[in-house]
């Protein structure tokens, strides 16, 4: 079932305001529990975790910057 434009905007706002800070805390906590990693390995893990959260929500963010009819929003 496809989400409407309005629903996708609401979900995108929820994901950015609520889920992303919660995910950051979880990721930092997990890395802290792993202990002292090699600095290069830690950079790679942070980069992967920093990008990985967005892949499941790709369809929610697609087209959010445009109006419902597909035109670019005017600022």
N, C-alpha and C. Protein backbone atom coordinates (compact mmCIF):
# COMPACT_ATOMS: atom_id res chain seq x y z
N UNK A 1 0.84 -1.18 0.00
CA UNK A 1 0.00 0.00 0.00
C UNK A 1 0.88 1.24 0.00
N UNK A 2 0.69 2.10 -0.96
CA UNK A 2 1.49 3.30 -1.08
C UNK A 2 0.97 4.38 -0.13
N UNK A 3 1.90 5.08 0.47
CA UNK A 3 1.52 6.17 1.36
C UNK A 3 1.22 7.42 0.56
N UNK A 4 0.30 8.21 1.04
CA UNK A 4 0.01 9.48 0.38
C UNK A 4 1.15 10.45 0.65
N UNK A 5 1.16 11.51 -0.11
CA UNK A 5 2.21 12.53 0.04
C UNK A 5 2.21 13.10 1.45
N UNK A 6 1.04 13.40 1.97
CA UNK A 6 0.91 13.97 3.31
C UNK A 6 1.41 12.98 4.38
N UNK A 7 1.08 11.72 4.22
CA UNK A 7 1.52 10.70 5.17
C UNK A 7 3.03 10.53 5.12
N UNK A 8 3.61 10.56 3.91
CA UNK A 8 5.07 10.44 3.80
C UNK A 8 5.77 11.62 4.46
N UNK A 9 5.20 12.83 4.32
CA UNK A 9 5.81 14.00 4.98
C UNK A 9 5.75 13.86 6.49
N UNK A 10 4.64 13.35 7.01
CA UNK A 10 4.52 13.15 8.46
C UNK A 10 5.51 12.09 8.94
N UNK A 11 5.61 10.99 8.22
CA UNK A 11 6.54 9.94 8.61
C UNK A 11 7.98 10.44 8.51
N UNK A 12 8.30 11.21 7.49
CA UNK A 12 9.65 11.75 7.36
C UNK A 12 9.98 12.66 8.54
N UNK A 13 9.04 13.48 8.94
CA UNK A 13 9.26 14.35 10.10
C UNK A 13 9.46 13.52 11.37
N UNK A 14 8.64 12.51 11.56
CA UNK A 14 8.79 11.63 12.71
C UNK A 14 10.16 10.96 12.71
N UNK A 15 10.57 10.45 11.55
CA UNK A 15 11.85 9.74 11.47
C UNK A 15 13.02 10.67 11.78
N UNK A 16 12.97 11.89 11.30
CA UNK A 16 14.08 12.82 11.53
C UNK A 16 14.10 13.40 12.94
N UNK A 17 12.94 13.62 13.53
CA UNK A 17 12.88 14.28 14.84
C UNK A 17 12.92 13.28 15.99
N UNK A 18 12.31 12.13 15.83
CA UNK A 18 12.22 11.16 16.92
C UNK A 18 13.18 9.98 16.71
N UNK A 19 13.07 9.31 15.58
CA UNK A 19 13.83 8.08 15.36
C UNK A 19 15.32 8.33 15.23
N UNK A 20 15.76 9.32 14.47
CA UNK A 20 17.18 9.53 14.23
C UNK A 20 17.97 9.82 15.51
N UNK A 21 17.53 10.72 16.39
CA UNK A 21 18.27 10.90 17.65
C UNK A 21 18.31 9.62 18.49
N UNK A 22 17.20 8.88 18.52
CA UNK A 22 17.16 7.61 19.26
C UNK A 22 18.15 6.62 18.65
N UNK A 23 18.22 6.55 17.34
CA UNK A 23 19.14 5.65 16.65
C UNK A 23 20.60 6.04 16.94
N UNK A 24 20.88 7.33 16.98
CA UNK A 24 22.24 7.79 17.27
C UNK A 24 22.66 7.35 18.66
N UNK A 25 21.78 7.49 19.64
CA UNK A 25 22.10 7.06 21.00
C UNK A 25 22.34 5.56 21.04
N UNK A 26 21.53 4.79 20.33
CA UNK A 26 21.71 3.34 20.29
C UNK A 26 23.06 2.99 19.65
N UNK A 27 23.38 3.62 18.53
CA UNK A 27 24.63 3.32 17.83
C UNK A 27 25.85 3.66 18.69
N UNK A 28 25.83 4.80 19.35
CA UNK A 28 26.96 5.19 20.20
C UNK A 28 27.08 4.26 21.39
N UNK A 29 25.97 3.86 21.96
CA UNK A 29 25.99 2.93 23.09
C UNK A 29 26.58 1.58 22.69
N UNK A 30 26.17 1.08 21.55
CA UNK A 30 26.70 -0.20 21.09
C UNK A 30 28.20 -0.11 20.83
N UNK A 31 28.65 0.97 20.21
CA UNK A 31 30.08 1.13 19.97
C UNK A 31 30.85 1.31 21.26
N UNK A 32 30.26 1.95 22.26
CA UNK A 32 30.92 2.09 23.55
C UNK A 32 31.05 0.74 24.24
N UNK A 33 30.06 -0.12 24.09
CA UNK A 33 30.11 -1.45 24.68
C UNK A 33 31.15 -2.35 24.00
N UNK A 34 31.44 -2.07 22.74
CA UNK A 34 32.44 -2.86 22.03
C UNK A 34 33.85 -2.60 22.55
N UNK A 35 34.02 -1.49 23.20
CA UNK A 35 35.33 -1.18 23.76
C UNK A 35 36.18 -0.36 22.81
N UNK A 36 37.46 -0.43 23.03
CA UNK A 36 38.42 0.37 22.28
C UNK A 36 38.72 -0.30 20.94
N UNK A 37 38.12 0.23 19.89
CA UNK A 37 38.37 -0.29 18.54
C UNK A 37 39.51 0.48 17.90
N UNK A 38 40.10 -0.12 16.91
CA UNK A 38 41.07 0.57 16.08
C UNK A 38 40.38 1.81 15.50
N UNK A 39 41.06 2.95 15.45
CA UNK A 39 40.39 4.18 15.02
C UNK A 39 39.87 4.09 13.59
N UNK A 40 40.56 3.36 12.73
CA UNK A 40 40.09 3.23 11.34
C UNK A 40 38.85 2.34 11.27
N UNK A 41 38.84 1.29 12.07
CA UNK A 41 37.67 0.43 12.13
C UNK A 41 36.47 1.18 12.71
N UNK A 42 36.70 2.01 13.72
CA UNK A 42 35.63 2.79 14.32
C UNK A 42 35.04 3.78 13.31
N UNK A 43 35.88 4.40 12.51
CA UNK A 43 35.40 5.33 11.48
C UNK A 43 34.53 4.60 10.47
N UNK A 44 34.95 3.41 10.07
CA UNK A 44 34.17 2.63 9.11
C UNK A 44 32.83 2.24 9.71
N UNK A 45 32.82 1.79 10.96
CA UNK A 45 31.57 1.39 11.61
C UNK A 45 30.63 2.58 11.74
N UNK A 46 31.15 3.73 12.17
CA UNK A 46 30.31 4.94 12.27
C UNK A 46 29.75 5.33 10.90
N UNK A 47 30.55 5.23 9.85
CA UNK A 47 30.08 5.59 8.51
C UNK A 47 28.97 4.64 8.05
N UNK A 48 29.16 3.36 8.29
CA UNK A 48 28.15 2.38 7.89
C UNK A 48 26.86 2.60 8.66
N UNK A 49 26.96 2.78 9.98
CA UNK A 49 25.76 3.02 10.78
C UNK A 49 25.11 4.36 10.43
N UNK A 50 25.90 5.33 10.05
CA UNK A 50 25.36 6.64 9.69
C UNK A 50 24.54 6.63 8.42
N UNK A 51 24.83 5.70 7.52
CA UNK A 51 24.10 5.61 6.27
C UNK A 51 23.01 4.54 6.33
N UNK A 52 23.26 3.49 7.11
CA UNK A 52 22.37 2.33 7.13
C UNK A 52 20.97 2.64 7.64
N UNK A 53 20.81 3.61 8.49
CA UNK A 53 19.48 3.90 9.04
C UNK A 53 18.51 4.37 7.97
N UNK A 54 19.02 4.99 6.91
CA UNK A 54 18.14 5.60 5.91
C UNK A 54 17.64 4.63 4.85
N UNK A 55 18.36 3.54 4.61
CA UNK A 55 17.96 2.62 3.55
C UNK A 55 16.56 2.02 3.73
N UNK A 56 16.17 1.59 4.93
CA UNK A 56 14.81 1.05 5.06
C UNK A 56 13.71 2.09 4.82
N UNK A 57 14.07 3.37 4.95
CA UNK A 57 13.07 4.44 4.85
C UNK A 57 13.19 5.22 3.54
N UNK A 58 13.86 4.65 2.57
CA UNK A 58 14.09 5.32 1.30
C UNK A 58 12.79 5.75 0.62
N UNK A 59 11.80 4.88 0.65
CA UNK A 59 10.53 5.20 -0.01
C UNK A 59 9.78 6.32 0.70
N UNK A 60 10.00 6.48 2.00
CA UNK A 60 9.33 7.56 2.74
C UNK A 60 9.88 8.92 2.32
N UNK A 61 11.20 8.99 2.13
CA UNK A 61 11.84 10.27 1.82
C UNK A 61 11.79 10.63 0.34
N UNK A 62 11.49 9.69 -0.51
CA UNK A 62 11.49 9.95 -1.95
C UNK A 62 10.39 10.95 -2.32
N UNK A 63 10.76 12.08 -2.91
CA UNK A 63 9.81 13.06 -3.39
C UNK A 63 9.27 14.01 -2.33
N UNK A 64 9.84 14.02 -1.13
CA UNK A 64 9.34 14.88 -0.06
C UNK A 64 9.57 16.37 -0.36
N UNK A 65 10.63 16.69 -1.06
CA UNK A 65 10.94 18.09 -1.34
C UNK A 65 10.10 18.69 -2.46
N UNK A 66 9.19 17.92 -3.01
CA UNK A 66 8.35 18.40 -4.09
C UNK A 66 6.92 18.51 -3.62
N UNK A 67 6.12 19.24 -4.37
CA UNK A 67 4.69 19.34 -4.04
C UNK A 67 3.98 18.07 -4.48
N UNK A 68 2.71 17.96 -4.13
CA UNK A 68 1.95 16.75 -4.46
C UNK A 68 1.86 16.49 -5.97
N UNK A 69 1.85 17.55 -6.77
CA UNK A 69 1.74 17.37 -8.22
C UNK A 69 3.10 17.11 -8.86
N UNK A 70 4.19 17.07 -8.08
CA UNK A 70 5.51 16.72 -8.61
C UNK A 70 6.40 17.90 -8.94
N UNK A 71 5.88 19.13 -8.79
CA UNK A 71 6.71 20.30 -9.07
C UNK A 71 7.58 20.61 -7.87
N UNK A 72 8.70 21.29 -8.14
CA UNK A 72 9.59 21.68 -7.06
C UNK A 72 8.95 22.78 -6.23
N UNK A 73 9.11 22.69 -4.89
CA UNK A 73 8.50 23.69 -4.01
C UNK A 73 9.18 25.04 -4.19
N UNK A 74 8.42 26.10 -4.11
CA UNK A 74 8.93 27.45 -4.20
C UNK A 74 9.16 27.97 -2.79
N UNK A 75 10.36 28.50 -2.57
CA UNK A 75 10.67 29.02 -1.23
C UNK A 75 10.41 30.48 -1.12
